[in-house]
Amino acid sequence: MEGAPRSGCPINLTLEVLGDRWSLIVIRDVMFGNRRHYRELLNQSEEGIASNILADRLKRLLEAGLLSKRDDPTHRQKSIYSLTEPAIQLVPLLVQMGAWGVRHTPASEELSIRARLLEQGGPDSWEAFMAELRAVHLGAPVPQRSVLTELQAAFEAVLAQKTGARPAGTRDPTPAARSTRTRPARTPRKRSAP
C-alpha cells in the first residue's frame, strides 16, 4: 500500500491491497494454475495481462507480503514466485468469489468447474487445498490428498467433453503415446495467379 489508508475498515484495507483489476487474477494464476514464472503468468493469462501491468502487480504483491520471490536454480535469469501464508489464506475468499461468479455471471462451464467443486467440497476441501498449497509454496509436508490434481482432472474432463478432444496444453502420459500421435495433414497453400 502506498501512503496512508483511506480508513481503518478491514474491508477497505483488504481492497487497498487486492481491489485492483489484476492482483487477484495474478494470485489465482499462481494458486490454481501453478504459474510460478513471469513468462508463464504473462503468456498463459486467460485475460491477456499486459507485461507492464504484470510487472507492476508482481511488485505490489511482493511488497504486500502476498508473494515471495527467489532465484530459479535452473535458470539464472528467471525467478520463482510463491504464495505466502496470507495469500494461501485467501482460498475461502476466492472460493466464495468464484461461487458468486458461477451463480450471477455468464461464466464458462470449463472455467467454472473448479469453483463449483471447491464450493461443494466446503471448508474441508478448502483446508486440504490450503495444506497442498503450503507444501508447494512453503515447503510444508505433502498431504495425501491433491486437490490441485482433482481440480485439473475435472477441468480437463469438462473441456474434453465440450470439445471432444484432448485439452490444449496437456500431454499424453507416456512417451510411447506421444510417439504414436498423428499430425493433421497440411493444407497446401493456394498460389495466386501472376
Protein backbone atom coordinates (compact mmCIF):
# COMPACT_ATOMS: atom_id res chain seq x y z
CA MET A 1 0.00 0.00 0.00
CA GLU A 2 1.24 3.45 -0.82
CA GLY A 3 0.56 6.25 1.67
CA ALA A 4 -1.93 6.21 4.49
CA PRO A 5 -5.04 4.03 4.12
CA ARG A 6 -8.36 5.76 3.47
CA SER A 7 -9.75 4.22 6.67
CA GLY A 8 -9.07 1.52 9.20
CA CYS A 9 -12.03 -0.57 7.99
CA PRO A 10 -10.81 -4.14 7.33
CA ILE A 11 -12.80 -4.34 4.07
CA ASN A 12 -11.26 -1.08 2.88
CA LEU A 13 -7.77 -2.22 3.87
CA THR A 14 -8.24 -5.53 2.04
CA LEU A 15 -9.46 -3.70 -1.06
CA GLU A 16 -6.50 -1.35 -0.94
CA VAL A 17 -4.24 -4.43 -1.23
CA LEU A 18 -6.36 -6.60 -3.56
CA GLY A 19 -9.01 -4.35 -5.09
CA ASP A 20 -7.47 -3.51 -8.45
CA ARG A 21 -8.39 -5.37 -11.61
CA TRP A 22 -5.34 -7.66 -11.77
CA SER A 23 -3.97 -8.55 -8.31
CA LEU A 24 -6.40 -11.39 -7.58
CA ILE A 25 -6.01 -12.66 -11.16
CA VAL A 26 -2.25 -12.99 -10.61
CA ILE A 27 -2.83 -14.74 -7.27
CA ARG A 28 -5.42 -17.00 -8.93
CA ASP A 29 -2.95 -17.99 -11.65
CA VAL A 30 -0.20 -18.80 -9.14
CA MET A 31 -2.67 -20.61 -6.87
CA PHE A 32 -4.80 -22.63 -9.29
CA GLY A 33 -2.57 -22.71 -12.36
CA ASN A 34 0.75 -23.20 -10.53
CA ARG A 35 2.23 -20.49 -12.77
CA ARG A 36 5.38 -19.61 -10.91
CA HIS A 37 7.45 -17.73 -13.52
CA TYR A 38 6.87 -14.31 -15.07
CA ARG A 39 6.59 -15.73 -18.62
CA GLU A 40 4.01 -18.31 -17.54
CA LEU A 41 1.93 -15.62 -15.88
CA LEU A 42 2.21 -13.40 -18.94
CA ASN A 43 1.73 -15.93 -21.74
CA GLN A 44 -0.87 -18.20 -20.12
CA SER A 45 -3.21 -15.50 -18.83
CA GLU A 46 -6.78 -16.11 -20.00
CA GLU A 47 -7.39 -12.39 -19.65
CA GLY A 48 -4.33 -11.27 -21.61
CA ILE A 49 -2.49 -9.22 -18.98
CA ALA A 50 -0.03 -6.67 -20.38
CA SER A 51 3.64 -7.10 -19.44
CA ASN A 52 3.90 -3.72 -17.69
CA ILE A 53 0.74 -4.40 -15.66
CA LEU A 54 2.01 -7.86 -14.67
CA ALA A 55 5.38 -6.47 -13.58
CA ASP A 56 3.63 -3.80 -11.51
CA ARG A 57 1.23 -6.26 -9.85
CA LEU A 58 4.00 -8.70 -9.02
CA LYS A 59 5.94 -5.85 -7.41
CA ARG A 60 2.86 -4.76 -5.41
CA LEU A 61 2.06 -8.31 -4.30
CA LEU A 62 5.66 -8.81 -3.18
CA GLU A 63 5.55 -5.53 -1.23
CA ALA A 64 2.20 -6.51 0.34
CA GLY A 65 3.68 -9.82 1.50
CA LEU A 66 1.32 -11.97 -0.59
CA LEU A 67 4.05 -13.35 -2.85
CA SER A 68 7.69 -14.17 -2.30
CA LYS A 69 10.35 -14.38 -4.98
CA ARG A 70 13.54 -16.40 -5.26
CA ASP A 71 16.04 -17.16 -7.97
CA ASP A 72 15.29 -20.17 -10.13
CA PRO A 73 18.20 -22.62 -9.70
CA THR A 74 17.61 -23.98 -13.22
CA HIS A 75 17.96 -20.61 -14.99
CA ARG A 76 19.98 -17.59 -13.90
CA GLN A 77 17.61 -15.02 -15.39
CA LYS A 78 14.36 -16.48 -14.01
CA SER A 79 12.66 -16.06 -10.68
CA ILE A 80 10.15 -18.31 -8.99
CA TYR A 81 7.13 -16.70 -7.36
CA SER A 82 5.50 -18.39 -4.39
CA LEU A 83 2.39 -17.72 -2.36
CA THR A 84 2.91 -16.67 1.23
CA GLU A 85 0.71 -17.79 4.11
CA PRO A 86 -1.51 -14.66 3.88
CA ALA A 87 -2.11 -15.40 0.17
CA ILE A 88 -2.90 -19.05 0.90
CA GLN A 89 -5.46 -17.87 3.44
CA LEU A 90 -7.30 -16.16 0.55
CA VAL A 91 -8.61 -19.58 -0.60
CA PRO A 92 -12.00 -19.26 1.14
CA LEU A 93 -12.43 -15.73 -0.26
CA LEU A 94 -11.57 -16.88 -3.79
CA VAL A 95 -13.90 -19.87 -3.46
CA GLN A 96 -16.76 -17.57 -2.47
CA MET A 97 -15.96 -15.12 -5.29
CA GLY A 98 -15.90 -17.99 -7.77
CA ALA A 99 -19.19 -19.38 -6.44
CA TRP A 100 -20.80 -15.96 -6.71
CA GLY A 101 -19.50 -15.62 -10.27
CA VAL A 102 -20.91 -19.04 -11.22
CA ARG A 103 -24.34 -18.04 -9.93
CA HIS A 104 -24.51 -14.45 -11.18
CA THR A 105 -22.36 -14.13 -14.32
CA PRO A 106 -22.17 -15.90 -17.69
CA ALA A 107 -19.10 -17.90 -16.63
CA SER A 108 -17.97 -20.68 -18.96
CA GLU A 109 -18.57 -24.26 -17.89
CA GLU A 110 -14.92 -25.31 -18.07
CA LEU A 111 -13.67 -22.31 -16.10
CA SER A 112 -16.47 -22.72 -13.52
CA ILE A 113 -15.81 -26.35 -12.61
CA ARG A 114 -13.06 -25.58 -10.08
CA ALA A 115 -15.25 -23.03 -8.28
CA ARG A 116 -18.16 -25.46 -8.21
CA LEU A 117 -16.09 -28.32 -6.82
CA LEU A 118 -14.47 -26.18 -4.15
CA GLU A 119 -17.81 -24.72 -3.09
CA GLN A 120 -19.38 -28.20 -2.94
CA GLY A 121 -16.38 -29.55 -1.02
CA GLY A 122 -16.83 -26.91 1.67
CA PRO A 123 -14.33 -25.96 4.35
CA ASP A 124 -12.77 -29.45 4.49
CA SER A 125 -11.87 -29.18 0.80
CA TRP A 126 -10.53 -25.65 1.28
CA GLU A 127 -8.34 -26.76 4.17
CA ALA A 128 -6.99 -29.67 2.10
CA PHE A 129 -6.27 -27.27 -0.76
CA MET A 130 -4.50 -24.84 1.56
CA ALA A 131 -2.42 -27.69 3.01
CA GLU A 132 -1.37 -28.63 -0.51
CA LEU A 133 -0.51 -25.01 -1.34
CA ARG A 134 1.61 -24.83 1.81
CA ALA A 135 3.50 -27.89 0.61
CA VAL A 136 4.04 -26.47 -2.88
CA HIS A 137 4.88 -22.89 -1.89
CA LEU A 138 6.16 -23.03 1.69
CA GLY A 139 7.84 -26.43 1.90
CA ALA A 140 5.32 -27.95 4.34
CA PRO A 141 4.81 -31.73 4.34
CA VAL A 142 2.97 -33.01 1.27
CA PRO A 143 -0.59 -34.05 2.14
CA GLN A 144 -2.07 -37.32 0.84
CA ARG A 145 -4.91 -35.61 -0.99
CA SER A 146 -4.12 -33.48 -4.05
CA VAL A 147 -6.95 -31.03 -4.56
CA LEU A 148 -5.00 -29.43 -7.43
CA THR A 149 -4.98 -32.78 -9.25
CA GLU A 150 -8.71 -33.22 -8.63
CA LEU A 151 -9.49 -29.71 -9.93
CA GLN A 152 -7.28 -30.13 -13.00
CA ALA A 153 -8.82 -33.52 -13.84
CA ALA A 154 -12.33 -32.04 -13.58
CA PHE A 155 -11.35 -29.10 -15.80
CA GLU A 156 -9.82 -31.41 -18.41
CA ALA A 157 -12.88 -33.70 -18.33
CA VAL A 158 -15.28 -30.79 -18.93
CA LEU A 159 -13.06 -29.41 -21.68
CA ALA A 160 -12.72 -32.80 -23.38
CA GLN A 161 -16.47 -33.36 -23.14
CA LYS A 162 -17.13 -29.94 -24.62
CA THR A 163 -14.62 -30.20 -27.47
CA GLY A 164 -14.43 -33.96 -27.93
CA ALA A 165 -10.64 -33.71 -27.90
CA ARG A 166 -7.67 -33.65 -25.55
CA PRO A 167 -7.39 -30.20 -23.92
CA ALA A 168 -4.72 -27.95 -25.40
CA GLY A 169 -1.50 -27.94 -23.44
CA THR A 170 -1.98 -31.38 -21.90
CA ARG A 171 0.45 -34.15 -22.57
CA ASP A 172 -0.06 -37.79 -23.23
CA PRO A 173 1.03 -39.75 -20.16
CA THR A 174 3.77 -41.81 -21.78
CA PRO A 175 6.49 -41.24 -24.38
CA ALA A 176 5.02 -44.13 -26.39
CA ALA A 177 1.67 -42.37 -26.57
CA ARG A 178 3.39 -39.18 -27.74
CA SER A 179 5.28 -41.01 -30.50
CA THR A 180 2.11 -42.57 -31.94
CA ARG A 181 0.25 -39.28 -32.13
CA THR A 182 -0.63 -38.34 -35.68
CA ARG A 183 -0.32 -34.85 -37.03
CA PRO A 184 -3.04 -33.29 -39.14
CA ALA A 185 -2.30 -33.17 -42.84
CA ARG A 186 -1.06 -29.84 -44.09
CA THR A 187 -3.32 -27.99 -46.42
CA PRO A 188 -1.43 -26.77 -49.47
CA ARG A 189 -1.38 -23.02 -49.91
CA LYS A 190 -3.19 -21.60 -52.86
CA ARG A 191 -0.98 -19.71 -55.21
CA SER A 192 -2.28 -16.51 -56.59
CA ALA A 193 -2.19 -16.07 -60.31
CA PRO A 194 0.54 -13.76 -61.62
